[in-house]
C-alpha atoms as a PDB file:
ATOM      1  CA  MET A   1       0.048   0.049   0.010  1.00  0.00           C
ATOM      2  CA  SER A   2       1.076   3.607  -0.521  1.00  0.00           C
ATOM      3  CA  ARG A   3       1.376   6.246   2.060  1.00  0.00           C
ATOM      4  CA  TRP A   4      -1.660   8.070   0.552  1.00  0.00           C
ATOM      5  CA  THR A   5      -3.948   5.080   0.661  1.00  0.00           C
ATOM      6  CA  ASP A   6      -2.916   4.287   4.190  1.00  0.00           C
ATOM      7  CA  TRP A   7      -3.650   7.889   5.148  1.00  0.00           C
ATOM      8  CA  VAL A   8      -7.096   7.807   3.601  1.00  0.00           C
ATOM      9  CA  LYS A   9      -8.032   4.573   5.363  1.00  0.00           C
ATOM     10  CA  LYS A  10      -6.833   6.069   8.647  1.00  0.00           C
ATOM     11  CA  TYR A  11      -8.720   9.293   8.002  1.00  0.00           C
ATOM     12  CA  ALA A  12     -11.896   7.233   7.131  1.00  0.00           C
ATOM     13  CA  ARG A  13     -11.661   5.245  10.357  1.00  0.00           C
ATOM     14  CA  GLU A  14     -11.031   8.291  12.546  1.00  0.00           C
ATOM     15  CA  HIS A  15     -14.008  10.223  11.031  1.00  0.00           C
ATOM     16  CA  ASN A  16     -16.371   7.217  10.863  1.00  0.00           C
ATOM     17  CA  THR A  17     -16.823   7.375   7.041  1.00  0.00           C
ATOM     18  CA  THR A  18     -16.080   5.165   4.146  1.00  0.00           C
ATOM     19  CA  TYR A  19     -12.908   5.187   1.983  1.00  0.00           C
ATOM     20  CA  GLY A  20     -14.674   6.729  -1.014  1.00  0.00           C
ATOM     21  CA  CYS A  21     -16.193   9.596   1.180  1.00  0.00           C
ATOM     22  CA  ALA A  22     -12.779  10.351   2.778  1.00  0.00           C
ATOM     23  CA  LEU A  23     -11.310  10.509  -0.754  1.00  0.00           C
ATOM     24  CA  SER A  24     -13.911  13.199  -1.748  1.00  0.00           C
ATOM     25  CA  GLN A  25     -13.353  15.391   1.437  1.00  0.00           C
ATOM     26  CA  PRO A  26     -10.944  18.282   0.960  1.00  0.00           C
ATOM     27  CA  LYS A  27      -9.993  18.015   4.581  1.00  0.00           C
ATOM     28  CA  CYS A  28      -8.501  14.553   4.017  1.00  0.00           C
ATOM     29  CA  SER A  29      -6.169  15.829   1.319  1.00  0.00           C
ATOM     30  CA  ALA A  30      -5.350  18.993   3.076  1.00  0.00           C
ATOM     31  CA  THR A  31      -4.333  17.334   6.207  1.00  0.00           C
ATOM     32  CA  TYR A  32      -2.252  14.802   4.277  1.00  0.00           C
ATOM     33  CA  ARG A  33      -0.440  17.562   2.430  1.00  0.00           C
ATOM     34  CA  ARG A  34       0.243  19.502   5.485  1.00  0.00           C
ATOM     35  CA  GLU A  35       1.477  16.465   7.552  1.00  0.00           C
ATOM     36  CA  TYR A  36       4.080  15.634   4.835  1.00  0.00           C
ATOM     37  CA  GLY A  37       4.867  19.076   3.784  1.00  0.00           C
ATOM     38  CA  LEU A  38       3.571  18.903   0.288  1.00  0.00           C
ATOM     39  CA  LYS A  39       2.515  21.952  -1.748  1.00  0.00           C
ATOM     40  CA  ALA A  40      -1.033  22.659  -0.974  1.00  0.00           C
ATOM     41  CA  THR A  41      -3.666  23.129  -3.780  1.00  0.00           C
ATOM     42  CA  ALA A  42      -5.873  26.280  -3.956  1.00  0.00           C
ATOM     43  CA  LYS A  43      -8.725  24.161  -2.577  1.00  0.00           C
ATOM     44  CA  ASN A  44      -6.675  22.956   0.438  1.00  0.00           C
ATOM     45  CA  GLU A  45      -5.431  26.541   1.190  1.00  0.00           C
ATOM     46  CA  ALA A  46      -9.024  27.795   1.096  1.00  0.00           C
ATOM     47  CA  TYR A  47      -9.958  25.094   3.615  1.00  0.00           C
ATOM     48  CA  PHE A  48      -7.237  26.010   5.997  1.00  0.00           C
ATOM     49  CA  LYS A  49      -7.815  29.680   5.759  1.00  0.00           C
ATOM     50  CA  SER A  50     -11.529  29.178   6.638  1.00  0.00           C
ATOM     51  CA  ALA A  51     -10.611  26.848   9.420  1.00  0.00           C
ATOM     52  CA  GLU A  52      -8.125  29.322  10.926  1.00  0.00           C
ATOM     53  CA  LYS A  53     -10.608  32.111  10.568  1.00  0.00           C
ATOM     54  CA  ALA A  54     -13.253  30.073  12.378  1.00  0.00           C
ATOM     55  CA  SER A  55     -10.805  29.128  15.175  1.00  0.00           C
ATOM     56  CA  SER A  56      -9.802  32.728  15.515  1.00  0.00           C
ATOM     57  CA  LYS A  57     -13.584  33.788  15.804  1.00  0.00           C
ATOM     58  CA  ALA A  58     -14.205  31.112  18.437  1.00  0.00           C
ATOM     59  CA  ALA A  59     -11.150  32.341  20.438  1.00  0.00           C
ATOM     60  CA  LYS A  60     -12.448  35.786  20.439  1.00  0.00           C
ATOM     61  CA  GLN A  61     -16.022  34.607  21.396  1.00  0.00           C
ATOM     62  CA  LYS A  62     -14.450  32.537  24.296  1.00  0.00           C
ATOM     63  CA  GLU A  63     -12.363  35.557  25.470  1.00  0.00           C
ATOM     64  CA  TYR A  64     -15.544  37.696  25.479  1.00  0.00           C
ATOM     65  CA  ARG A  65     -17.502  35.049  27.478  1.00  0.00           C
ATOM     66  CA  ASP A  66     -14.687  34.850  29.984  1.00  0.00           C
ATOM     67  CA  THR A  67     -14.611  38.657  30.450  1.00  0.00           C
ATOM     68  CA  LEU A  68     -18.383  38.560  31.140  1.00  0.00           C
ATOM     69  CA  ARG A  69     -17.932  35.709  33.634  1.00  0.00           C
ATOM     70  CA  GLU A  70     -15.388  37.665  35.501  1.00  0.00           C
ATOM     71  CA  LYS A  71     -17.828  40.638  35.682  1.00  0.00           C
ATOM     72  CA  GLY A  72     -20.513  38.206  36.963  1.00  0.00           C
ATOM     73  CA  VAL A  73     -22.936  38.683  33.997  1.00  0.00           C
ATOM     74  CA  TYR A  74     -22.467  35.575  31.899  1.00  0.00           C
ATOM     75  CA  GLY A  75     -24.391  32.462  32.827  1.00  0.00           C
ATOM     76  CA  LYS A  76     -26.857  34.042  35.207  1.00  0.00           C
ATOM     77  CA  LYS A  77     -30.314  34.692  34.402  1.00  0.00           C
ATOM     78  CA  GLN A  78     -31.074  38.421  34.167  1.00  0.00           C
ATOM     79  CA  LEU A  79     -34.258  39.204  36.056  1.00  0.00           C
ATOM     80  CA  ARG A  80     -36.093  42.361  35.496  1.00  0.00           C
ATOM     81  CA  ASP A  81     -37.673  44.181  38.441  1.00  0.00           C
ATOM     82  CA  GLU A  82     -41.183  44.816  37.627  1.00  0.00           C
END
């Protein structure tokens, strides 16, 4: 077997999908290329840029929630005085 087919089989097992589905997922190819230092295709680069953007947004949201928790606002039900 080749390194690529072994990678796809491993990816399919880890993501609970079939070999054919794993082949069609850009994330499978992108992670393989990144792992082995191969030149990324435009599709792969687009995947990683969007993933990095999403993780950056999630980090900012977490930081905002933590700030609110420190202030004692987040996670408590706000009751109105009527």
